[in-house]
Amino acid sequence: MFGLKVVIHVQADKRQEFIQALRTLAPQEEGRMPHTLMLQGIDDTNLICHIVQCHDAQELDAYVQSQQFRALRGAIAVLGCQHDLQVIEFRSIALG
């Protein structure tokens, strides 16, 4: 699996607006890829980590070229500033 991790520092007065924008960008159907995860900082709730999980590199490439990703970049430009952007590869961990 592949993913894209974007860490954003959102303006305090724009936090709720940014979170709502992320919700509208998430797939609406359960089990549909790409899967998204949104986390906030413990010490700084305006620090948002947005992770997009894809089955393979081709799906990730398609996501990066999508209108959904362009809308995310637009929301970041208007409501916050990007701290980090990383492509990550996931691998299962054997737990026993």
C-alpha atoms as a PDB file:
ATOM      1  CA  MET A   1       0.000   0.000   0.000  1.00  0.00           C
ATOM      2  CA  PHE A   2       1.061   3.553  -0.627  1.00  0.00           C
ATOM      3  CA  GLY A   3       0.047   6.758   1.025  1.00  0.00           C
ATOM      4  CA  LEU A   4       0.486  10.478   1.034  1.00  0.00           C
ATOM      5  CA  LYS A   5       1.001  12.248   4.349  1.00  0.00           C
ATOM      6  CA  VAL A   6       0.356  15.981   4.433  1.00  0.00           C
ATOM      7  CA  VAL A   7       0.977  17.942   7.635  1.00  0.00           C
ATOM      8  CA  ILE A   8      -0.651  21.373   7.752  1.00  0.00           C
ATOM      9  CA  HIS A   9      -0.664  24.151  10.308  1.00  0.00           C
ATOM     10  CA  VAL A  10      -4.091  25.743  10.041  1.00  0.00           C
ATOM     11  CA  GLN A  11      -4.902  29.305  11.083  1.00  0.00           C
ATOM     12  CA  ALA A  12      -6.699  29.070  14.456  1.00  0.00           C
ATOM     13  CA  ASP A  13      -9.740  31.011  13.259  1.00  0.00           C
ATOM     14  CA  LYS A  14      -9.970  28.832  10.111  1.00  0.00           C
ATOM     15  CA  ARG A  15      -9.593  25.402  11.773  1.00  0.00           C
ATOM     16  CA  GLN A  16     -13.272  24.351  11.612  1.00  0.00           C
ATOM     17  CA  GLU A  17     -13.558  25.555   8.020  1.00  0.00           C
ATOM     18  CA  PHE A  18     -10.469  23.532   7.066  1.00  0.00           C
ATOM     19  CA  ILE A  19     -11.759  20.383   8.786  1.00  0.00           C
ATOM     20  CA  GLN A  20     -15.085  20.745   6.986  1.00  0.00           C
ATOM     21  CA  ALA A  21     -13.240  21.113   3.681  1.00  0.00           C
ATOM     22  CA  LEU A  22     -11.318  17.880   4.386  1.00  0.00           C
ATOM     23  CA  ARG A  23     -14.576  16.064   5.193  1.00  0.00           C
ATOM     24  CA  THR A  24     -16.077  17.060   1.852  1.00  0.00           C
ATOM     25  CA  LEU A  25     -12.957  15.771   0.068  1.00  0.00           C
ATOM     26  CA  ALA A  26     -13.119  12.312   1.696  1.00  0.00           C
ATOM     27  CA  PRO A  27     -14.701   9.444  -0.267  1.00  0.00           C
ATOM     28  CA  GLN A  28     -18.355   9.032   0.735  1.00  0.00           C
ATOM     29  CA  GLU A  29     -18.616   5.260   0.221  1.00  0.00           C
ATOM     30  CA  GLU A  30     -17.304   2.884   2.895  1.00  0.00           C
ATOM     31  CA  GLY A  31     -14.381   0.815   1.650  1.00  0.00           C
ATOM     32  CA  ARG A  32     -13.755   3.075  -1.338  1.00  0.00           C
ATOM     33  CA  MET A  33     -10.143   3.989  -2.044  1.00  0.00           C
ATOM     34  CA  PRO A  34      -8.308   6.144  -1.498  1.00  0.00           C
ATOM     35  CA  HIS A  35      -8.970   5.899   2.229  1.00  0.00           C
ATOM     36  CA  THR A  36      -8.320   9.060   4.260  1.00  0.00           C
ATOM     37  CA  LEU A  37      -7.345   9.607   7.869  1.00  0.00           C
ATOM     38  CA  MET A  38      -7.272  12.960   9.666  1.00  0.00           C
ATOM     39  CA  LEU A  39      -5.374  13.526  12.935  1.00  0.00           C
ATOM     40  CA  GLN A  40      -4.671  16.608  15.039  1.00  0.00           C
ATOM     41  CA  GLY A  41      -1.732  17.496  17.252  1.00  0.00           C
ATOM     42  CA  ILE A  42      -2.090  16.937  20.999  1.00  0.00           C
ATOM     43  CA  ASP A  43      -0.265  20.106  22.022  1.00  0.00           C
ATOM     44  CA  ASP A  44      -1.338  22.125  18.989  1.00  0.00           C
ATOM     45  CA  THR A  45      -4.814  21.278  17.685  1.00  0.00           C
ATOM     46  CA  ASN A  46      -4.200  23.533  14.686  1.00  0.00           C
ATOM     47  CA  LEU A  47      -1.569  21.052  13.454  1.00  0.00           C
ATOM     48  CA  ILE A  48      -3.451  18.640  11.185  1.00  0.00           C
ATOM     49  CA  CYS A  49      -2.081  15.444   9.646  1.00  0.00           C
ATOM     50  CA  HIS A  50      -4.018  14.247   6.598  1.00  0.00           C
ATOM     51  CA  ILE A  51      -3.126  10.764   5.320  1.00  0.00           C
ATOM     52  CA  VAL A  52      -4.426   9.293   2.086  1.00  0.00           C
ATOM     53  CA  GLN A  53      -4.008   5.524   1.685  1.00  0.00           C
ATOM     54  CA  CYS A  54      -4.002   3.914  -1.774  1.00  0.00           C
ATOM     55  CA  HIS A  55      -3.692   0.282  -2.937  1.00  0.00           C
ATOM     56  CA  ASP A  56      -0.739   0.893  -5.241  1.00  0.00           C
ATOM     57  CA  ALA A  57       1.510   3.521  -6.800  1.00  0.00           C
ATOM     58  CA  GLN A  58      -0.781   3.955  -9.821  1.00  0.00           C
ATOM     59  CA  GLU A  59      -3.746   4.756  -7.589  1.00  0.00           C
ATOM     60  CA  LEU A  60      -1.611   7.244  -5.657  1.00  0.00           C
ATOM     61  CA  ASP A  61      -0.486   8.864  -8.916  1.00  0.00           C
ATOM     62  CA  ALA A  62      -4.125   9.155  -9.997  1.00  0.00           C
ATOM     63  CA  TYR A  63      -5.011  10.758  -6.645  1.00  0.00           C
ATOM     64  CA  VAL A  64      -2.206  13.334  -6.955  1.00  0.00           C
ATOM     65  CA  GLN A  65      -3.537  14.257 -10.427  1.00  0.00           C
ATOM     66  CA  SER A  66      -7.161  14.424  -9.223  1.00  0.00           C
ATOM     67  CA  GLN A  67      -9.459  17.360  -8.626  1.00  0.00           C
ATOM     68  CA  GLN A  68      -9.738  16.153  -5.025  1.00  0.00           C
ATOM     69  CA  PHE A  69      -5.996  16.690  -4.448  1.00  0.00           C
ATOM     70  CA  ARG A  70      -6.058  20.073  -6.198  1.00  0.00           C
ATOM     71  CA  ALA A  71      -8.918  21.106  -3.893  1.00  0.00           C
ATOM     72  CA  LEU A  72      -6.891  19.988  -0.864  1.00  0.00           C
ATOM     73  CA  ARG A  73      -3.933  22.069  -2.026  1.00  0.00           C
ATOM     74  CA  GLY A  74      -6.260  25.050  -2.498  1.00  0.00           C
ATOM     75  CA  ALA A  75      -7.681  24.670   1.020  1.00  0.00           C
ATOM     76  CA  ILE A  76      -4.135  24.526   2.413  1.00  0.00           C
ATOM     77  CA  ALA A  77      -3.140  27.670   0.512  1.00  0.00           C
ATOM     78  CA  VAL A  78      -6.163  29.630   1.754  1.00  0.00           C
ATOM     79  CA  LEU A  79      -6.608  28.320   5.307  1.00  0.00           C
ATOM     80  CA  GLY A  80      -3.150  27.303   6.497  1.00  0.00           C
ATOM     81  CA  CYS A  81       0.386  26.444   5.506  1.00  0.00           C
ATOM     82  CA  GLN A  82       1.907  23.102   4.616  1.00  0.00           C
ATOM     83  CA  HIS A  83       4.594  21.754   6.965  1.00  0.00           C
ATOM     84  CA  ASP A  84       5.348  18.428   5.335  1.00  0.00           C
ATOM     85  CA  LEU A  85       4.344  16.285   2.377  1.00  0.00           C
ATOM     86  CA  GLN A  86       5.613  12.705   2.096  1.00  0.00           C
ATOM     87  CA  VAL A  87       4.868   9.662   0.001  1.00  0.00           C
ATOM     88  CA  ILE A  88       4.923   6.637   2.293  1.00  0.00           C
ATOM     89  CA  GLU A  89       4.768   2.897   1.647  1.00  0.00           C
ATOM     90  CA  PHE A  90       2.834   0.718   4.091  1.00  0.00           C
ATOM     91  CA  ARG A  91       3.676  -2.880   4.904  1.00  0.00           C
ATOM     92  CA  SER A  92       1.842  -5.286   7.204  1.00  0.00           C
ATOM     93  CA  ILE A  93       3.462  -6.109  10.526  1.00  0.00           C
ATOM     94  CA  ALA A  94       3.289  -9.691  11.742  1.00  0.00           C
ATOM     95  CA  LEU A  95       2.017  -9.520  15.317  1.00  0.00           C
ATOM     96  CA  GLY A  96       2.683 -13.020  16.444  1.00  0.00           C
END
